[in-house]
Amino acid sequence: MLKIKLAPHGKIHQITYRIVVAQDRSKLNGPTIDELGFYTPQTKTLEINKEKLADWQKKGAQVTYGVDRLLNPDKYPKKVKEKVVKEKVEETKIEETPVEEPKSE
């Protein structure tokens, strides 16, 4: 089965991704069938050949989750972290009541 996926290239802190068509079980840096474009996360640059993408999808290639998130950002809204409010726990002081001792006669 063919997949349209991201193949990482570049240095550690200057990584770019190529959008490629490859076998679904092939390694990320393994052999590819076709290159459709690239994505640079530092500058948020996405360049893709839409005609080739549509052609490969007609041939049966499936888009992976990562590529689908880049192509359809509205489909995957950003998760918003909820603010955690720390409530102060009021210490309740238990009043000590004097215990009456039994009187011995």
C-alpha atoms as a PDB file:
ATOM      1  CA  MET A   1       0.000   0.000   0.000  1.00  0.00           C
ATOM      2  CA  LEU A   2       1.283   3.471  -0.850  1.00  0.00           C
ATOM      3  CA  LYS A   3       1.318   6.323   1.655  1.00  0.00           C
ATOM      4  CA  ILE A   4       1.936  10.042   1.302  1.00  0.00           C
ATOM      5  CA  LYS A   5       4.139  10.862   4.276  1.00  0.00           C
ATOM      6  CA  LEU A   6       6.753  13.191   5.741  1.00  0.00           C
ATOM      7  CA  ALA A   7      10.419  12.247   5.307  1.00  0.00           C
ATOM      8  CA  PRO A   8      12.792  14.211   7.598  1.00  0.00           C
ATOM      9  CA  HIS A   9      15.927  15.835   6.176  1.00  0.00           C
ATOM     10  CA  GLY A  10      18.463  18.360   7.412  1.00  0.00           C
ATOM     11  CA  LYS A  11      20.300  19.040  10.641  1.00  0.00           C
ATOM     12  CA  ILE A  12      19.008  18.382  14.143  1.00  0.00           C
ATOM     13  CA  HIS A  13      17.769  21.903  14.920  1.00  0.00           C
ATOM     14  CA  GLN A  14      17.204  22.875  11.262  1.00  0.00           C
ATOM     15  CA  ILE A  15      14.989  20.014  10.181  1.00  0.00           C
ATOM     16  CA  THR A  16      12.835  20.079   7.064  1.00  0.00           C
ATOM     17  CA  TYR A  17      10.406  17.486   5.801  1.00  0.00           C
ATOM     18  CA  ARG A  18       9.882  16.271   2.268  1.00  0.00           C
ATOM     19  CA  ILE A  19       6.387  15.157   1.377  1.00  0.00           C
ATOM     20  CA  VAL A  20       6.903  11.888  -0.472  1.00  0.00           C
ATOM     21  CA  VAL A  21       5.042   8.865  -1.786  1.00  0.00           C
ATOM     22  CA  ALA A  22       6.463   5.613  -0.439  1.00  0.00           C
ATOM     23  CA  GLN A  23       5.474   2.140   0.649  1.00  0.00           C
ATOM     24  CA  ASP A  24       3.698   2.235   4.016  1.00  0.00           C
ATOM     25  CA  ARG A  25       6.243  -0.063   5.687  1.00  0.00           C
ATOM     26  CA  SER A  26       9.365   1.590   4.269  1.00  0.00           C
ATOM     27  CA  LYS A  27      11.745   3.531   6.499  1.00  0.00           C
ATOM     28  CA  LEU A  28      11.423   7.296   6.684  1.00  0.00           C
ATOM     29  CA  ASN A  29      14.729   7.786   4.886  1.00  0.00           C
ATOM     30  CA  GLY A  30      14.179   4.746   2.690  1.00  0.00           C
ATOM     31  CA  PRO A  31      13.390   4.573  -0.998  1.00  0.00           C
ATOM     32  CA  THR A  32      10.628   6.852  -2.256  1.00  0.00           C
ATOM     33  CA  ILE A  33       8.516   6.662  -5.371  1.00  0.00           C
ATOM     34  CA  ASP A  34       7.846  10.373  -5.892  1.00  0.00           C
ATOM     35  CA  GLU A  35       8.447  13.703  -4.145  1.00  0.00           C
ATOM     36  CA  LEU A  36       5.427  16.016  -3.886  1.00  0.00           C
ATOM     37  CA  GLY A  37       6.809  18.966  -1.939  1.00  0.00           C
ATOM     38  CA  PHE A  38       8.366  20.072   1.343  1.00  0.00           C
ATOM     39  CA  TYR A  39       7.527  21.560   4.752  1.00  0.00           C
ATOM     40  CA  THR A  40       9.771  23.707   6.944  1.00  0.00           C
ATOM     41  CA  PRO A  41       8.431  23.965  10.516  1.00  0.00           C
ATOM     42  CA  GLN A  42      10.687  26.883  11.566  1.00  0.00           C
ATOM     43  CA  THR A  43       9.176  29.221   8.971  1.00  0.00           C
ATOM     44  CA  LYS A  44       5.870  27.319   8.592  1.00  0.00           C
ATOM     45  CA  THR A  45       6.527  27.042   4.840  1.00  0.00           C
ATOM     46  CA  LEU A  46       4.468  24.434   3.034  1.00  0.00           C
ATOM     47  CA  GLU A  47       4.955  23.902  -0.682  1.00  0.00           C
ATOM     48  CA  ILE A  48       3.185  21.024  -2.373  1.00  0.00           C
ATOM     49  CA  ASN A  49       2.297  20.088  -5.937  1.00  0.00           C
ATOM     50  CA  LYS A  50      -1.509  19.734  -5.743  1.00  0.00           C
ATOM     51  CA  GLU A  51      -1.761  18.050  -9.160  1.00  0.00           C
ATOM     52  CA  LYS A  52       0.652  15.282  -8.186  1.00  0.00           C
ATOM     53  CA  LEU A  53      -1.113  14.895  -4.832  1.00  0.00           C
ATOM     54  CA  ALA A  54      -4.505  14.462  -6.488  1.00  0.00           C
ATOM     55  CA  ASP A  55      -3.027  12.057  -9.050  1.00  0.00           C
ATOM     56  CA  TRP A  56      -1.476   9.821  -6.377  1.00  0.00           C
ATOM     57  CA  GLN A  57      -4.669   9.865  -4.329  1.00  0.00           C
ATOM     58  CA  LYS A  58      -6.598   8.701  -7.412  1.00  0.00           C
ATOM     59  CA  LYS A  59      -4.088   5.871  -7.745  1.00  0.00           C
ATOM     60  CA  GLY A  60      -4.873   4.780  -4.183  1.00  0.00           C
ATOM     61  CA  ALA A  61      -2.156   6.381  -2.061  1.00  0.00           C
ATOM     62  CA  GLN A  62      -3.369   7.285   1.424  1.00  0.00           C
ATOM     63  CA  VAL A  63      -2.385  10.428   3.297  1.00  0.00           C
ATOM     64  CA  THR A  64      -0.818   9.917   6.737  1.00  0.00           C
ATOM     65  CA  TYR A  65      -1.959  11.770   9.859  1.00  0.00           C
ATOM     66  CA  GLY A  66       0.959  14.236   9.809  1.00  0.00           C
ATOM     67  CA  VAL A  67       0.451  15.246   6.185  1.00  0.00           C
ATOM     68  CA  ASP A  68      -3.313  15.465   6.697  1.00  0.00           C
ATOM     69  CA  ARG A  69      -2.786  17.894   9.587  1.00  0.00           C
ATOM     70  CA  LEU A  70      -0.697  20.126   7.303  1.00  0.00           C
ATOM     71  CA  LEU A  71      -3.172  20.023   4.422  1.00  0.00           C
ATOM     72  CA  ASN A  72      -6.350  20.436   6.526  1.00  0.00           C
ATOM     73  CA  PRO A  73      -5.543  22.556   9.605  1.00  0.00           C
ATOM     74  CA  ASP A  74      -9.240  23.316  10.231  1.00  0.00           C
ATOM     75  CA  LYS A  75      -9.962  19.604  10.597  1.00  0.00           C
ATOM     76  CA  TYR A  76      -7.615  19.389  13.595  1.00  0.00           C
ATOM     77  CA  PRO A  77      -8.127  22.378  15.918  1.00  0.00           C
ATOM     78  CA  LYS A  78      -5.383  23.236  18.370  1.00  0.00           C
ATOM     79  CA  LYS A  79      -5.896  21.856  21.841  1.00  0.00           C
ATOM     80  CA  VAL A  80      -6.236  24.529  24.482  1.00  0.00           C
ATOM     81  CA  LYS A  81      -4.921  23.727  27.908  1.00  0.00           C
ATOM     82  CA  GLU A  82      -7.355  24.421  30.685  1.00  0.00           C
ATOM     83  CA  LYS A  83      -6.130  26.651  33.441  1.00  0.00           C
ATOM     84  CA  VAL A  84      -5.755  24.813  36.697  1.00  0.00           C
ATOM     85  CA  VAL A  85      -6.878  26.951  39.593  1.00  0.00           C
ATOM     86  CA  LYS A  86      -5.278  26.012  42.856  1.00  0.00           C
ATOM     87  CA  GLU A  87      -7.633  26.686  45.685  1.00  0.00           C
ATOM     88  CA  LYS A  88      -6.264  27.422  49.080  1.00  0.00           C
ATOM     89  CA  VAL A  89      -7.415  24.880  51.547  1.00  0.00           C
ATOM     90  CA  GLU A  90      -8.491  26.619  54.690  1.00  0.00           C
ATOM     91  CA  GLU A  91      -7.256  24.792  57.661  1.00  0.00           C
ATOM     92  CA  THR A  92     -10.042  24.216  60.074  1.00  0.00           C
ATOM     93  CA  LYS A  93      -8.838  24.258  63.598  1.00  0.00           C
ATOM     94  CA  ILE A  94     -10.471  21.760  65.829  1.00  0.00           C
ATOM     95  CA  GLU A  95     -11.159  23.332  69.126  1.00  0.00           C
ATOM     96  CA  GLU A  96     -10.012  21.192  71.950  1.00  0.00           C
ATOM     97  CA  THR A  97     -12.706  20.723  74.510  1.00  0.00           C
ATOM     98  CA  PRO A  98     -11.582  19.958  78.018  1.00  0.00           C
ATOM     99  CA  VAL A  99     -12.360  16.414  78.968  1.00  0.00           C
ATOM    100  CA  GLU A 100     -13.935  16.074  82.353  1.00  0.00           C
ATOM    101  CA  GLU A 101     -12.195  13.544  84.481  1.00  0.00           C
ATOM    102  CA  PRO A 102     -14.339  11.383  86.677  1.00  0.00           C
ATOM    103  CA  LYS A 103     -14.107  12.462  90.290  1.00  0.00           C
ATOM    104  CA  SER A 104     -13.023   9.803  92.649  1.00  0.00           C
ATOM    105  CA  GLU A 105     -14.760   9.852  96.040  1.00  0.00           C
END
